[in-house]
PDB file of N, CA and C in Angstrom:
ATOM      1  N   MET A   1       0.972  -1.068   0.135  1.00  0.00           N
ATOM      2  CA  MET A   1      -0.199  -0.237   0.446  1.00  0.00           C
ATOM      3  C   MET A   1       0.722   1.259   0.302  1.00  0.00           C
ATOM      4  N   GLY A   2       1.770   1.047   0.649  1.00  0.00           N
ATOM      5  CA  GLY A   2       2.623   2.449   0.806  1.00  0.00           C
ATOM      6  C   GLY A   2       3.113   2.514  -0.611  1.00  0.00           C
ATOM      7  N   PRO A   3       3.965   1.817  -1.060  1.00  0.00           N
ATOM      8  CA  PRO A   3       4.748   2.138  -2.354  1.00  0.00           C
ATOM      9  C   PRO A   3       3.410   2.658  -3.803  1.00  0.00           C
ATOM     10  N   LYS A   4       2.677   2.257  -3.137  1.00  0.00           N
ATOM     11  CA  LYS A   4       1.469   2.736  -4.420  1.00  0.00           C
ATOM     12  C   LYS A   4       1.025   3.651  -4.396  1.00  0.00           C
ATOM     13  N   GLU A   5       1.016   4.716  -2.954  1.00  0.00           N
ATOM     14  CA  GLU A   5       0.949   6.293  -2.839  1.00  0.00           C
ATOM     15  C   GLU A   5       1.816   7.054  -3.220  1.00  0.00           C
ATOM     16  N   ASP A   6       3.088   6.651  -2.901  1.00  0.00           N
ATOM     17  CA  ASP A   6       4.758   7.000  -2.728  1.00  0.00           C
ATOM     18  C   ASP A   6       4.539   7.267  -4.793  1.00  0.00           C
ATOM     19  N   ASP A   7       4.598   6.387  -5.180  1.00  0.00           N
ATOM     20  CA  ASP A   7       4.719   6.187  -6.814  1.00  0.00           C
ATOM     21  C   ASP A   7       3.625   7.491  -8.004  1.00  0.00           C
ATOM     22  N   PRO A   8       2.419   7.321  -7.863  1.00  0.00           N
ATOM     23  CA  PRO A   8       2.216   8.130  -8.157  1.00  0.00           C
ATOM     24  C   PRO A   8       1.837   9.513  -7.577  1.00  0.00           C
ATOM     25  N   GLY A   9       2.182   9.839  -6.341  1.00  0.00           N
ATOM     26  CA  GLY A   9       2.202  10.999  -6.259  1.00  0.00           C
ATOM     27  C   GLY A   9       3.960  11.579  -6.622  1.00  0.00           C
ATOM     28  N   LYS A  10       4.718  11.181  -6.431  1.00  0.00           N
ATOM     29  CA  LYS A  10       6.488  11.232  -6.983  1.00  0.00           C
ATOM     30  C   LYS A  10       6.290  11.846  -8.514  1.00  0.00           C
ATOM     31  N   GLY A  11       5.646  10.703  -9.356  1.00  0.00           N
ATOM     32  CA  GLY A  11       5.657  10.817 -10.969  1.00  0.00           C
ATOM     33  C   GLY A  11       4.225  11.803 -11.306  1.00  0.00           C
ATOM     34  N   ASN A  12       3.754  12.237 -10.733  1.00  0.00           N
ATOM     35  CA  ASN A  12       2.631  13.456 -11.448  1.00  0.00           C
ATOM     36  C   ASN A  12       3.337  14.642 -10.760  1.00  0.00           C
ATOM     37  N   GLY A  13       3.980  14.591  -9.379  1.00  0.00           N
ATOM     38  CA  GLY A  13       4.434  15.693  -9.186  1.00  0.00           C
ATOM     39  C   GLY A  13       5.630  16.258  -9.661  1.00  0.00           C
ATOM     40  N   ASP A  14       6.484  15.273 -10.274  1.00  0.00           N
ATOM     41  CA  ASP A  14       7.773  15.583 -11.157  1.00  0.00           C
ATOM     42  C   ASP A  14       7.223  15.810 -12.644  1.00  0.00           C
ATOM     43  N   GLY A  15       6.468  14.792 -13.204  1.00  0.00           N
ATOM     44  CA  GLY A  15       6.074  14.976 -14.169  1.00  0.00           C
ATOM     45  C   GLY A  15       5.314  16.905 -14.394  1.00  0.00           C
ATOM     46  N   LYS A  16       4.329  16.794 -13.850  1.00  0.00           N
ATOM     47  CA  LYS A  16       3.843  18.173 -14.265  1.00  0.00           C
ATOM     48  C   LYS A  16       4.360  19.701 -13.981  1.00  0.00           C
ATOM     49  N   GLY A  17       5.567  19.277 -13.281  1.00  0.00           N
ATOM     50  CA  GLY A  17       6.309  20.417 -12.753  1.00  0.00           C
ATOM     51  C   GLY A  17       7.159  20.537 -14.113  1.00  0.00           C
ATOM     52  N   GLY A  18       7.396  19.637 -14.254  1.00  0.00           N
ATOM     53  CA  GLY A  18       8.559  19.455 -15.905  1.00  0.00           C
ATOM     54  C   GLY A  18       8.128  20.312 -16.901  1.00  0.00           C
ATOM     55  N   THR A  19       6.873  19.510 -17.028  1.00  0.00           N
ATOM     56  CA  THR A  19       5.593  19.601 -18.169  1.00  0.00           C
ATOM     57  C   THR A  19       5.594  21.387 -18.599  1.00  0.00           C
ATOM     58  N   GLU A  20       5.298  21.757 -16.990  1.00  0.00           N
ATOM     59  CA  GLU A  20       4.332  23.317 -16.878  1.00  0.00           C
ATOM     60  C   GLU A  20       5.775  24.203 -17.321  1.00  0.00           C
ATOM     61  N   THR A  21       7.231  23.600 -16.611  1.00  0.00           N
ATOM     62  CA  THR A  21       8.317  25.431 -17.172  1.00  0.00           C
ATOM     63  C   THR A  21       9.077  24.438 -18.616  1.00  0.00           C
ATOM     64  N   GLY A  22       8.636  23.248 -18.814  1.00  0.00           N
ATOM     65  CA  GLY A  22       9.325  23.027 -20.160  1.00  0.00           C
ATOM     66  C   GLY A  22       8.327  23.905 -21.580  1.00  0.00           C
ATOM     67  N   THR A  23       6.729  24.025 -21.025  1.00  0.00           N
ATOM     68  CA  THR A  23       5.581  24.152 -21.263  1.00  0.00           C
ATOM     69  C   THR A  23       5.721  25.689 -21.719  1.00  0.00           C
ATOM     70  N   ILE A  24       6.467  26.945 -20.881  1.00  0.00           N
ATOM     71  CA  ILE A  24       6.856  28.198 -20.266  1.00  0.00           C
ATOM     72  C   ILE A  24       7.684  28.674 -21.121  1.00  0.00           C
ATOM     73  N   THR A  25       8.851  27.653 -21.542  1.00  0.00           N
ATOM     74  CA  THR A  25      10.167  27.844 -22.194  1.00  0.00           C
ATOM     75  C   THR A  25       9.613  28.302 -23.240  1.00  0.00           C
ATOM     76  N   LYS A  26       8.644  26.711 -24.146  1.00  0.00           N
ATOM     77  CA  LYS A  26       8.404  27.123 -25.163  1.00  0.00           C
ATOM     78  C   LYS A  26       7.938  27.923 -26.017  1.00  0.00           C
ATOM     79  N   THR A  27       6.623  28.552 -24.958  1.00  0.00           N
ATOM     80  CA  THR A  27       6.092  29.493 -25.417  1.00  0.00           C
ATOM     81  C   THR A  27       6.552  30.725 -26.051  1.00  0.00           C
ATOM     82  N   ARG A  28       7.372  31.052 -25.222  1.00  0.00           N
ATOM     83  CA  ARG A  28       8.299  32.416 -24.994  1.00  0.00           C
ATOM     84  C   ARG A  28       8.536  33.188 -26.741  1.00  0.00           C
ATOM     85  N   PRO A  29       9.164  32.375 -27.684  1.00  0.00           N
ATOM     86  CA  PRO A  29       9.325  32.281 -28.778  1.00  0.00           C
ATOM     87  C   PRO A  29       8.262  32.523 -29.486  1.00  0.00           C
ATOM     88  N   LYS A  30       7.376  32.307 -29.385  1.00  0.00           N
ATOM     89  CA  LYS A  30       6.126  32.944 -30.244  1.00  0.00           C
ATOM     90  C   LYS A  30       6.042  34.301 -29.847  1.00  0.00           C
ATOM     91  N   THR A  31       5.859  34.418 -28.524  1.00  0.00           N
ATOM     92  CA  THR A  31       5.363  35.875 -28.134  1.00  0.00           C
ATOM     93  C   THR A  31       6.492  37.287 -29.073  1.00  0.00           C
ATOM     94  N   LYS A  32       7.505  36.890 -30.213  1.00  0.00           N
ATOM     95  CA  LYS A  32       8.007  38.019 -30.517  1.00  0.00           C
ATOM     96  C   LYS A  32       7.028  38.498 -31.854  1.00  0.00           C
ATOM     97  N   ARG A  33       7.705  39.975 -31.888  1.00  0.00           N
ATOM     98  CA  ARG A  33       6.711  40.726 -32.760  1.00  0.00           C
ATOM     99  C   ARG A  33       6.162  40.503 -34.078  1.00  0.00           C
ATOM    100  N   PRO A  34       5.112  40.670 -34.321  1.00  0.00           N
ATOM    101  CA  PRO A  34       4.913  40.125 -35.726  1.00  0.00           C
ATOM    102  C   PRO A  34       5.395  40.599 -36.610  1.00  0.00           C
ATOM    103  N   SER A  35       5.205  39.585 -38.172  1.00  0.00           N
ATOM    104  CA  SER A  35       6.174  40.416 -38.980  1.00  0.00           C
ATOM    105  C   SER A  35       5.463  41.671 -39.312  1.00  0.00           C
ATOM    106  N   LEU A  36       6.317  42.503 -39.767  1.00  0.00           N
ATOM    107  CA  LEU A  36       5.723  43.770 -40.471  1.00  0.00           C
ATOM    108  C   LEU A  36       5.537  44.011 -41.785  1.00  0.00           C
ATOM    109  N   TYR A  37       4.629  44.933 -42.766  1.00  0.00           N
ATOM    110  CA  TYR A  37       4.226  44.840 -44.351  1.00  0.00           C
ATOM    111  C   TYR A  37       4.518  46.527 -44.586  1.00  0.00           C
ATOM    112  N   ARG A  38       5.294  46.836 -45.184  1.00  0.00           N
ATOM    113  CA  ARG A  38       4.621  47.962 -45.549  1.00  0.00           C
ATOM    114  C   ARG A  38       3.796  48.134 -47.370  1.00  0.00           C
ATOM    115  N   VAL A  39       3.016  49.011 -46.611  1.00  0.00           N
ATOM    116  CA  VAL A  39       1.990  49.316 -47.840  1.00  0.00           C
ATOM    117  C   VAL A  39       2.679  49.943 -49.134  1.00  0.00           C
ATOM    118  N   LEU A  40       2.364  50.205 -50.113  1.00  0.00           N
ATOM    119  CA  LEU A  40       2.664  50.645 -51.129  1.00  0.00           C
ATOM    120  C   LEU A  40       1.980  50.862 -52.090  1.00  0.00           C
ATOM    121  N   LEU A  41       2.026  52.276 -52.480  1.00  0.00           N
ATOM    122  CA  LEU A  41       1.121  53.214 -53.580  1.00  0.00           C
ATOM    123  C   LEU A  41       1.962  52.678 -54.928  1.00  0.00           C
ATOM    124  N   LEU A  42       0.927  52.380 -56.162  1.00  0.00           N
ATOM    125  CA  LEU A  42       1.798  52.389 -57.671  1.00  0.00           C
ATOM    126  C   LEU A  42       1.586  53.285 -59.000  1.00  0.00           C
ATOM    127  N   ASN A  43       2.214  54.013 -58.936  1.00  0.00           N
ATOM    128  CA  ASN A  43       1.909  55.496 -60.005  1.00  0.00           C
ATOM    129  C   ASN A  43       1.022  54.352 -61.401  1.00  0.00           C
ATOM    130  N   ASP A  44       0.236  55.242 -61.676  1.00  0.00           N
ATOM    131  CA  ASP A  44      -0.122  54.921 -63.192  1.00  0.00           C
ATOM    132  C   ASP A  44      -0.657  56.504 -63.570  1.00  0.00           C
ATOM    133  N   ASP A  45      -1.402  56.547 -64.931  1.00  0.00           N
ATOM    134  CA  ASP A  45      -1.506  57.871 -65.836  1.00  0.00           C
ATOM    135  C   ASP A  45      -2.945  58.023 -65.840  1.00  0.00           C
ATOM    136  N   TYR A  46      -3.453  57.049 -64.714  1.00  0.00           N
ATOM    137  CA  TYR A  46      -5.206  57.758 -65.053  1.00  0.00           C
ATOM    138  C   TYR A  46      -5.176  57.846 -63.928  1.00  0.00           C
ATOM    139  N   THR A  47      -5.123  57.817 -62.870  1.00  0.00           N
ATOM    140  CA  THR A  47      -5.859  58.293 -61.480  1.00  0.00           C
ATOM    141  C   THR A  47      -5.449  59.474 -61.128  1.00  0.00           C
ATOM    142  N   PRO A  48      -6.254  60.147 -60.321  1.00  0.00           N
ATOM    143  CA  PRO A  48      -6.150  61.680 -60.458  1.00  0.00           C
ATOM    144  C   PRO A  48      -5.278  61.970 -59.134  1.00  0.00           C
ATOM    145  N   MET A  49      -4.438  62.757 -59.065  1.00  0.00           N
ATOM    146  CA  MET A  49      -3.824  63.196 -58.350  1.00  0.00           C
ATOM    147  C   MET A  49      -4.635  63.279 -57.079  1.00  0.00           C
ATOM    148  N   GLU A  50      -5.637  64.225 -57.106  1.00  0.00           N
ATOM    149  CA  GLU A  50      -6.837  64.721 -56.099  1.00  0.00           C
ATOM    150  C   GLU A  50      -6.988  63.406 -54.863  1.00  0.00           C
ATOM    151  N   PHE A  51      -7.426  62.646 -55.868  1.00  0.00           N
ATOM    152  CA  PHE A  51      -7.869  61.255 -56.022  1.00  0.00           C
ATOM    153  C   PHE A  51      -7.334  60.434 -54.685  1.00  0.00           C
ATOM    154  N   VAL A  52      -5.557  60.129 -55.128  1.00  0.00           N
ATOM    155  CA  VAL A  52      -4.618  59.444 -54.213  1.00  0.00           C
ATOM    156  C   VAL A  52      -4.560  59.988 -53.209  1.00  0.00           C
ATOM    157  N   VAL A  53      -4.967  61.694 -52.926  1.00  0.00           N
ATOM    158  CA  VAL A  53      -4.324  62.285 -51.480  1.00  0.00           C
ATOM    159  C   VAL A  53      -5.674  62.136 -50.848  1.00  0.00           C
ATOM    160  N   LEU A  54      -7.075  62.025 -51.267  1.00  0.00           N
ATOM    161  CA  LEU A  54      -7.896  61.894 -50.311  1.00  0.00           C
ATOM    162  C   LEU A  54      -8.389  60.066 -49.845  1.00  0.00           C
ATOM    163  N   VAL A  55      -7.771  59.383 -50.934  1.00  0.00           N
ATOM    164  CA  VAL A  55      -7.038  57.919 -50.062  1.00  0.00           C
ATOM    165  C   VAL A  55      -6.252  57.789 -49.153  1.00  0.00           C
ATOM    166  N   LEU A  56      -5.092  58.891 -49.405  1.00  0.00           N
ATOM    167  CA  LEU A  56      -3.781  58.870 -47.805  1.00  0.00           C
ATOM    168  C   LEU A  56      -5.122  59.184 -46.901  1.00  0.00           C
ATOM    169  N   GLN A  57      -5.647  60.473 -47.198  1.00  0.00           N
ATOM    170  CA  GLN A  57      -6.064  60.606 -46.000  1.00  0.00           C
ATOM    171  C   GLN A  57      -7.168  60.108 -45.409  1.00  0.00           C
ATOM    172  N   ASP A  58      -8.119  59.462 -46.140  1.00  0.00           N
ATOM    173  CA  ASP A  58      -8.921  58.462 -45.763  1.00  0.00           C
ATOM    174  C   ASP A  58      -8.560  57.326 -45.089  1.00  0.00           C
ATOM    175  N   VAL A  59      -7.700  56.641 -46.238  1.00  0.00           N
ATOM    176  CA  VAL A  59      -7.184  55.090 -45.647  1.00  0.00           C
ATOM    177  C   VAL A  59      -5.872  54.494 -44.476  1.00  0.00           C
ATOM    178  N   PHE A  60      -5.732  56.161 -44.705  1.00  0.00           N
ATOM    179  CA  PHE A  60      -3.928  55.894 -43.943  1.00  0.00           C
ATOM    180  C   PHE A  60      -4.010  56.745 -42.648  1.00  0.00           C
ATOM    181  N   ASN A  61      -4.888  57.504 -42.488  1.00  0.00           N
ATOM    182  CA  ASN A  61      -4.754  59.076 -41.921  1.00  0.00           C
ATOM    183  C   ASN A  61      -4.131  60.062 -41.911  1.00  0.00           C
ATOM    184  N   LYS A  62      -3.363  59.903 -43.381  1.00  0.00           N
ATOM    185  CA  LYS A  62      -2.485  61.028 -43.129  1.00  0.00           C
ATOM    186  C   LYS A  62      -3.325  62.778 -43.107  1.00  0.00           C
ATOM    187  N   SER A  63      -2.349  63.550 -42.647  1.00  0.00           N
ATOM    188  CA  SER A  63      -2.507  64.973 -43.265  1.00  0.00           C
ATOM    189  C   SER A  63      -2.546  65.438 -44.465  1.00  0.00           C
ATOM    190  N   ARG A  64      -3.613  66.353 -44.713  1.00  0.00           N
ATOM    191  CA  ARG A  64      -3.573  66.923 -46.598  1.00  0.00           C
ATOM    192  C   ARG A  64      -2.061  66.884 -46.623  1.00  0.00           C
ATOM    193  N   GLU A  65      -1.007  67.743 -45.624  1.00  0.00           N
ATOM    194  CA  GLU A  65       0.473  68.173 -46.281  1.00  0.00           C
ATOM    195  C   GLU A  65       1.152  66.450 -46.383  1.00  0.00           C
ATOM    196  N   GLU A  66       0.992  65.814 -45.865  1.00  0.00           N
ATOM    197  CA  GLU A  66       1.695  64.239 -45.862  1.00  0.00           C
ATOM    198  C   GLU A  66       1.035  63.631 -47.425  1.00  0.00           C
ATOM    199  N   ALA A  67      -0.131  63.610 -46.978  1.00  0.00           N
ATOM    200  CA  ALA A  67      -1.263  63.261 -48.205  1.00  0.00           C
ATOM    201  C   ALA A  67      -0.827  63.377 -49.866  1.00  0.00           C
ATOM    202  N   MET A  68      -0.105  64.487 -49.623  1.00  0.00           N
ATOM    203  CA  MET A  68       0.157  65.194 -50.932  1.00  0.00           C
ATOM    204  C   MET A  68       1.936  64.910 -51.409  1.00  0.00           C
ATOM    205  N   GLN A  69       2.548  64.970 -50.142  1.00  0.00           N
ATOM    206  CA  GLN A  69       3.979  64.256 -50.158  1.00  0.00           C
ATOM    207  C   GLN A  69       4.120  63.113 -50.844  1.00  0.00           C
ATOM    208  N   ILE A  70       3.604  62.398 -49.598  1.00  0.00           N
ATOM    209  CA  ILE A  70       3.313  60.954 -50.374  1.00  0.00           C
ATOM    210  C   ILE A  70       3.072  60.508 -52.061  1.00  0.00           C
ATOM    211  N   MET A  71       1.429  61.350 -52.329  1.00  0.00           N
ATOM    212  CA  MET A  71       1.318  61.818 -53.926  1.00  0.00           C
ATOM    213  C   MET A  71       2.159  61.661 -54.580  1.00  0.00           C
ATOM    214  N   LEU A  72       3.155  62.680 -54.893  1.00  0.00           N
ATOM    215  CA  LEU A  72       3.723  63.382 -55.513  1.00  0.00           C
ATOM    216  C   LEU A  72       5.202  62.588 -55.323  1.00  0.00           C
ATOM    217  N   HIS A  73       5.263  61.711 -54.213  1.00  0.00           N
ATOM    218  CA  HIS A  73       6.847  60.787 -54.005  1.00  0.00           C
ATOM    219  C   HIS A  73       6.100  59.598 -55.206  1.00  0.00           C
ATOM    220  N   VAL A  74       5.084  58.754 -55.148  1.00  0.00           N
ATOM    221  CA  VAL A  74       4.259  58.255 -56.178  1.00  0.00           C
ATOM    222  C   VAL A  74       4.254  58.563 -57.217  1.00  0.00           C
ATOM    223  N   HIS A  75       3.734  59.645 -57.773  1.00  0.00           N
ATOM    224  CA  HIS A  75       3.805  60.236 -58.780  1.00  0.00           C
ATOM    225  C   HIS A  75       5.630  60.601 -59.360  1.00  0.00           C
ATOM    226  N   GLN A  76       6.265  60.663 -58.925  1.00  0.00           N
ATOM    227  CA  GLN A  76       7.558  60.718 -59.635  1.00  0.00           C
ATOM    228  C   GLN A  76       8.615  59.664 -60.009  1.00  0.00           C
ATOM    229  N   LYS A  77       8.755  58.825 -58.669  1.00  0.00           N
ATOM    230  CA  LYS A  77       9.303  57.624 -57.981  1.00  0.00           C
ATOM    231  C   LYS A  77       8.423  56.587 -58.694  1.00  0.00           C
ATOM    232  N   GLY A  78       7.374  56.443 -59.112  1.00  0.00           N
ATOM    233  CA  GLY A  78       6.851  55.586 -59.480  1.00  0.00           C
ATOM    234  C   GLY A  78       5.844  54.511 -57.973  1.00  0.00           C
ATOM    235  N   VAL A  79       6.712  54.786 -57.145  1.00  0.00           N
ATOM    236  CA  VAL A  79       5.907  53.891 -56.042  1.00  0.00           C
ATOM    237  C   VAL A  79       6.443  54.780 -54.924  1.00  0.00           C
ATOM    238  N   GLY A  80       5.410  54.226 -53.582  1.00  0.00           N
ATOM    239  CA  GLY A  80       5.424  55.437 -52.576  1.00  0.00           C
ATOM    240  C   GLY A  80       4.768  54.450 -51.329  1.00  0.00           C
ATOM    241  N   GLU A  81       5.699  54.689 -50.693  1.00  0.00           N
ATOM    242  CA  GLU A  81       5.223  54.062 -49.045  1.00  0.00           C
ATOM    243  C   GLU A  81       4.224  54.622 -48.466  1.00  0.00           C
ATOM    244  N   CYS A  82       2.670  53.665 -48.066  1.00  0.00           N
ATOM    245  CA  CYS A  82       1.740  54.367 -47.615  1.00  0.00           C
ATOM    246  C   CYS A  82       2.170  54.668 -45.454  1.00  0.00           C
ATOM    247  N   GLY A  83       2.992  53.404 -45.336  1.00  0.00           N
ATOM    248  CA  GLY A  83       2.839  53.002 -43.860  1.00  0.00           C
ATOM    249  C   GLY A  83       3.096  51.249 -43.427  1.00  0.00           C
ATOM    250  N   VAL A  84       3.687  51.070 -42.410  1.00  0.00           N
ATOM    251  CA  VAL A  84       4.430  50.142 -41.878  1.00  0.00           C
ATOM    252  C   VAL A  84       3.219  49.566 -40.986  1.00  0.00           C
ATOM    253  N   TYR A  85       2.863  48.206 -41.035  1.00  0.00           N
ATOM    254  CA  TYR A  85       1.331  47.628 -40.395  1.00  0.00           C
ATOM    255  C   TYR A  85       1.907  46.419 -40.198  1.00  0.00           C
ATOM    256  N   PRO A  86       1.282  45.704 -39.405  1.00  0.00           N
ATOM    257  CA  PRO A  86       1.176  44.361 -38.914  1.00  0.00           C
ATOM    258  C   PRO A  86       0.159  43.742 -40.400  1.00  0.00           C
ATOM    259  N   TYR A  87       0.360  42.499 -40.765  1.00  0.00           N
ATOM    260  CA  TYR A  87       0.017  41.939 -42.052  1.00  0.00           C
ATOM    261  C   TYR A  87      -2.154  41.866 -41.872  1.00  0.00           C
ATOM    262  N   GLU A  88      -2.532  41.270 -41.040  1.00  0.00           N
ATOM    263  CA  GLU A  88      -4.184  42.148 -40.717  1.00  0.00           C
ATOM    264  C   GLU A  88      -3.862  43.306 -41.598  1.00  0.00           C
ATOM    265  N   VAL A  89      -3.908  44.071 -40.697  1.00  0.00           N
ATOM    266  CA  VAL A  89      -3.776  45.524 -40.728  1.00  0.00           C
ATOM    267  C   VAL A  89      -3.642  46.193 -41.952  1.00  0.00           C
ATOM    268  N   ALA A  90      -2.413  45.566 -42.626  1.00  0.00           N
ATOM    269  CA  ALA A  90      -1.701  45.578 -43.839  1.00  0.00           C
ATOM    270  C   ALA A  90      -2.560  45.526 -45.178  1.00  0.00           C
ATOM    271  N   GLU A  91      -2.949  44.172 -45.006  1.00  0.00           N
ATOM    272  CA  GLU A  91      -4.269  43.223 -45.964  1.00  0.00           C
ATOM    273  C   GLU A  91      -5.398  44.429 -46.281  1.00  0.00           C
ATOM    274  N   THR A  92      -5.794  45.142 -44.595  1.00  0.00           N
ATOM    275  CA  THR A  92      -7.148  45.668 -44.973  1.00  0.00           C
ATOM    276  C   THR A  92      -7.126  46.810 -45.533  1.00  0.00           C
ATOM    277  N   LYS A  93      -5.852  47.597 -45.140  1.00  0.00           N
ATOM    278  CA  LYS A  93      -5.809  48.783 -45.945  1.00  0.00           C
ATOM    279  C   LYS A  93      -5.730  48.435 -47.435  1.00  0.00           C
ATOM    280  N   VAL A  94      -5.002  47.412 -47.482  1.00  0.00           N
ATOM    281  CA  VAL A  94      -4.956  47.216 -49.219  1.00  0.00           C
ATOM    282  C   VAL A  94      -6.494  47.382 -50.260  1.00  0.00           C
ATOM    283  N   THR A  95      -6.900  46.170 -49.310  1.00  0.00           N
ATOM    284  CA  THR A  95      -8.067  45.894 -49.586  1.00  0.00           C
ATOM    285  C   THR A  95      -9.323  47.556 -50.291  1.00  0.00           C
ATOM    286  N   ARG A  96      -9.182  48.562 -48.958  1.00  0.00           N
ATOM    287  CA  ARG A  96     -10.028  49.657 -48.627  1.00  0.00           C
ATOM    288  C   ARG A  96      -9.211  50.232 -50.055  1.00  0.00           C
ATOM    289  N   VAL A  97      -8.161  50.400 -49.956  1.00  0.00           N
ATOM    290  CA  VAL A  97      -7.440  51.613 -51.202  1.00  0.00           C
ATOM    291  C   VAL A  97      -8.500  50.707 -52.543  1.00  0.00           C
ATOM    292  N   MET A  98      -8.345  49.271 -53.050  1.00  0.00           N
ATOM    293  CA  MET A  98      -8.428  48.801 -53.850  1.00  0.00           C
ATOM    294  C   MET A  98      -9.603  49.052 -54.473  1.00  0.00           C
ATOM    295  N   ASP A  99     -11.019  48.781 -53.327  1.00  0.00           N
ATOM    296  CA  ASP A  99     -12.197  48.982 -53.316  1.00  0.00           C
ATOM    297  C   ASP A  99     -12.646  50.394 -53.600  1.00  0.00           C
ATOM    298  N   THR A 100     -11.891  51.546 -53.384  1.00  0.00           N
ATOM    299  CA  THR A 100     -12.278  52.250 -53.378  1.00  0.00           C
ATOM    300  C   THR A 100     -11.618  53.035 -54.904  1.00  0.00           C
ATOM    301  N   ALA A 101     -10.466  52.558 -55.154  1.00  0.00           N
ATOM    302  CA  ALA A 101     -10.504  52.997 -56.704  1.00  0.00           C
ATOM    303  C   ALA A 101     -11.251  52.360 -57.807  1.00  0.00           C
ATOM    304  N   ARG A 102     -11.611  51.266 -56.818  1.00  0.00           N
ATOM    305  CA  ARG A 102     -12.512  50.092 -57.899  1.00  0.00           C
ATOM    306  C   ARG A 102     -13.985  50.904 -59.049  1.00  0.00           C
ATOM    307  N   LYS A 103     -14.685  51.523 -57.466  1.00  0.00           N
ATOM    308  CA  LYS A 103     -15.696  52.415 -57.130  1.00  0.00           C
ATOM    309  C   LYS A 103     -15.456  53.583 -57.581  1.00  0.00           C
ATOM    310  N   ASN A 104     -14.704  53.864 -58.205  1.00  0.00           N
ATOM    311  CA  ASN A 104     -14.412  55.260 -58.738  1.00  0.00           C
ATOM    312  C   ASN A 104     -14.200  55.086 -59.967  1.00  0.00           C
ATOM    313  N   GLN A 105     -13.909  53.884 -60.120  1.00  0.00           N
ATOM    314  CA  GLN A 105     -13.452  53.878 -61.287  1.00  0.00           C
ATOM    315  C   GLN A 105     -12.086  53.851 -62.004  1.00  0.00           C
ATOM    316  N   HIS A 106     -11.061  53.906 -61.169  1.00  0.00           N
ATOM    317  CA  HIS A 106      -9.391  54.311 -61.505  1.00  0.00           C
ATOM    318  C   HIS A 106      -8.600  53.312 -61.295  1.00  0.00           C
ATOM    319  N   PRO A 107      -7.853  53.371 -61.843  1.00  0.00           N
ATOM    320  CA  PRO A 107      -6.771  51.460 -62.004  1.00  0.00           C
ATOM    321  C   PRO A 107      -5.789  51.974 -60.926  1.00  0.00           C
ATOM    322  N   LEU A 108      -5.983  52.811 -59.870  1.00  0.00           N
ATOM    323  CA  LEU A 108      -4.926  52.811 -58.776  1.00  0.00           C
ATOM    324  C   LEU A 108      -4.468  51.533 -58.236  1.00  0.00           C
ATOM    325  N   GLN A 109      -3.211  51.327 -58.398  1.00  0.00           N
ATOM    326  CA  GLN A 109      -3.045  50.071 -57.460  1.00  0.00           C
ATOM    327  C   GLN A 109      -1.906  50.063 -56.342  1.00  0.00           C
ATOM    328  N   CYS A 110      -2.538  49.190 -55.009  1.00  0.00           N
ATOM    329  CA  CYS A 110      -1.965  49.203 -53.660  1.00  0.00           C
ATOM    330  C   CYS A 110      -1.386  47.764 -53.561  1.00  0.00           C
ATOM    331  N   VAL A 111      -0.300  47.834 -53.042  1.00  0.00           N
ATOM    332  CA  VAL A 111       0.134  45.906 -52.912  1.00  0.00           C
ATOM    333  C   VAL A 111       0.941  46.385 -51.178  1.00  0.00           C
ATOM    334  N   MET A 112       1.208  45.080 -50.669  1.00  0.00           N
ATOM    335  CA  MET A 112       2.180  45.550 -49.884  1.00  0.00           C
ATOM    336  C   MET A 112       3.213  44.081 -49.576  1.00  0.00           C
ATOM    337  N   GLU A 113       4.309  44.581 -48.845  1.00  0.00           N
ATOM    338  CA  GLU A 113       5.202  43.631 -49.074  1.00  0.00           C
ATOM    339  C   GLU A 113       5.654  43.629 -47.824  1.00  0.00           C
ATOM    340  N   LYS A 114       6.889  42.215 -47.358  1.00  0.00           N
ATOM    341  CA  LYS A 114       6.880  42.217 -46.350  1.00  0.00           C
ATOM    342  C   LYS A 114       7.947  42.951 -46.095  1.00  0.00           C
ATOM    343  N   GLN A 115       8.256  43.421 -44.480  1.00  0.00           N
ATOM    344  CA  GLN A 115       9.709  44.417 -44.391  1.00  0.00           C
ATOM    345  C   GLN A 115      10.522  43.758 -44.069  1.00  0.00           C
TER     346      GLN A 115
END
């Protein structure tokens, strides 16, 4: 009777303690920062500059001045960064830009790339 009581107590106590410690150690690397994505606007010859400015203000919460600077950068360089966000946020912003452009019949392109 004595050995039966001792064995389960020792086995469960040691096993659980080791497992819990191992689990805590194993989950730590998962708490690293999520990957960030750059959201980029691509230049085209048809989308009005004013429309691009309005999209930057609406979707990316840019001031009129910031939106003008980004729009001019896109116009001159062919591509410009609107912001850097976690995957889900970047994906949502790209979708909003593309939907807004399509509804207004503009060929504006917005993409995301891993930083």
